[in-house]
């Protein structure tokens, strides 16, 4: 439930904002920084939550172990999103920025 709520709350709003920016002429790549950062954090956080939940379902620890596994998965996802955001301007994002900046 948390994974779906996070996806709907963060990802849905950011995708709408990103689509709006893509359609606007004269936009800059800086307009993409915030939505893309939020999308990466949302993606990696959800991935970490699912990884922790999968681990808990396979290993079947006690309640405290389940909470710890999911919490560790979330922390791992947030660290991965931090690393991804540090090297953000690559690939598609760079191409979008070059297209918008002329």
Protein backbone atom coordinates (compact mmCIF):
# COMPACT_ATOMS: atom_id res chain seq x y z
CA UNK A 1 0.00 0.00 0.00
CA UNK A 2 2.84 2.39 0.86
CA UNK A 3 4.54 1.68 -2.47
CA UNK A 4 1.38 2.50 -4.42
CA UNK A 5 0.66 5.62 -2.37
CA UNK A 6 4.22 6.88 -2.86
CA UNK A 7 4.00 6.21 -6.57
CA UNK A 8 0.68 7.99 -6.95
CA UNK A 9 1.54 10.96 -4.74
CA UNK A 10 5.04 11.73 -5.95
CA UNK A 11 5.45 10.15 -9.36
CA UNK A 12 2.05 11.11 -10.75
CA UNK A 13 2.37 14.80 -9.88
CA UNK A 14 5.94 15.01 -11.13
CA UNK A 15 5.14 13.34 -14.44
CA UNK A 16 2.35 15.84 -15.08
CA UNK A 17 4.76 18.69 -14.31
CA UNK A 18 7.42 17.17 -16.55
CA UNK A 19 4.97 16.75 -19.44
CA UNK A 20 3.98 20.38 -19.05
CA UNK A 21 7.62 21.48 -19.19
CA UNK A 22 8.29 19.35 -22.27
CA UNK A 23 5.44 21.03 -24.11
CA UNK A 24 6.55 24.56 -23.26
CA UNK A 25 8.81 26.27 -25.81
CA UNK A 26 11.91 27.96 -24.47
CA UNK A 27 12.15 25.90 -21.31
CA UNK A 28 15.53 25.17 -19.81
CA UNK A 29 17.06 22.01 -18.46
CA UNK A 30 16.87 23.53 -14.98
CA UNK A 31 13.11 23.10 -15.12
CA UNK A 32 13.72 19.36 -15.26
CA UNK A 33 16.01 19.12 -12.24
CA UNK A 34 13.35 19.08 -9.50
CA UNK A 35 10.87 16.72 -11.21
CA UNK A 36 13.61 14.32 -12.28
CA UNK A 37 15.19 14.32 -8.82
CA UNK A 38 11.84 13.57 -7.21
CA UNK A 39 11.12 10.84 -9.75
CA UNK A 40 14.46 9.16 -9.07
CA UNK A 41 13.96 9.33 -5.29
CA UNK A 42 10.44 7.94 -5.64
CA UNK A 43 11.60 5.14 -7.93
CA UNK A 44 14.52 4.04 -5.77
CA UNK A 45 12.53 4.35 -2.53
CA UNK A 46 9.78 2.14 -3.96
CA UNK A 47 12.36 -0.31 -5.26
CA UNK A 48 13.99 -0.47 -1.82
CA UNK A 49 10.63 -0.99 -0.11
CA UNK A 50 9.80 -3.83 -2.46
CA UNK A 51 13.24 -5.37 -1.96
CA UNK A 52 12.80 -5.24 1.83
CA UNK A 53 9.29 -6.67 1.63
CA UNK A 54 10.46 -9.48 -0.66
CA UNK A 55 13.28 -10.31 1.74
CA UNK A 56 10.80 -10.39 4.64
CA UNK A 57 8.47 -12.72 2.71
CA UNK A 58 11.27 -15.11 1.80
CA UNK A 59 13.10 -15.22 5.14
CA UNK A 60 9.94 -14.84 7.30
CA UNK A 61 11.53 -13.24 10.37
CA UNK A 62 9.61 -12.10 13.44
CA UNK A 63 7.76 -8.75 13.35
CA UNK A 64 10.80 -6.73 14.39
CA UNK A 65 12.87 -8.41 11.69
CA UNK A 66 10.22 -7.58 9.07
CA UNK A 67 10.18 -3.92 10.05
CA UNK A 68 13.97 -3.85 10.04
CA UNK A 69 14.15 -5.49 6.60
CA UNK A 70 11.69 -3.03 5.07
CA UNK A 71 13.40 -0.10 6.79
CA UNK A 72 16.80 -1.26 5.56
CA UNK A 73 15.39 -1.66 2.04
CA UNK A 74 14.02 1.88 2.17
CA UNK A 75 17.35 3.22 3.42
CA UNK A 76 19.17 1.34 0.68
CA UNK A 77 16.80 2.81 -1.91
CA UNK A 78 17.33 6.34 -0.60
CA UNK A 79 21.11 5.93 -0.70
CA UNK A 80 20.86 4.60 -4.26
CA UNK A 81 18.71 7.59 -5.25
CA UNK A 82 21.25 9.96 -3.71
CA UNK A 83 23.99 8.32 -5.81
CA UNK A 84 21.81 8.48 -8.93
CA UNK A 85 21.01 12.14 -8.35
CA UNK A 86 24.70 13.01 -7.98
CA UNK A 87 25.37 11.75 -11.49
CA UNK A 88 22.03 12.90 -12.86
CA UNK A 89 22.87 14.82 -15.99
CA UNK A 90 23.63 11.92 -18.27
CA UNK A 91 21.93 10.17 -21.14
CA UNK A 92 18.39 11.23 -21.80
CA UNK A 93 18.43 14.16 -19.39
CA UNK A 94 21.42 15.69 -21.14
CA UNK A 95 19.71 15.21 -24.51
CA UNK A 96 16.53 16.88 -23.25
CA UNK A 97 18.55 19.77 -21.86
CA UNK A 98 20.41 20.21 -25.14
CA UNK A 99 17.16 20.14 -27.07
CA UNK A 100 15.52 22.77 -24.87
CA UNK A 101 18.52 25.06 -24.66
CA UNK A 102 18.81 25.19 -28.37
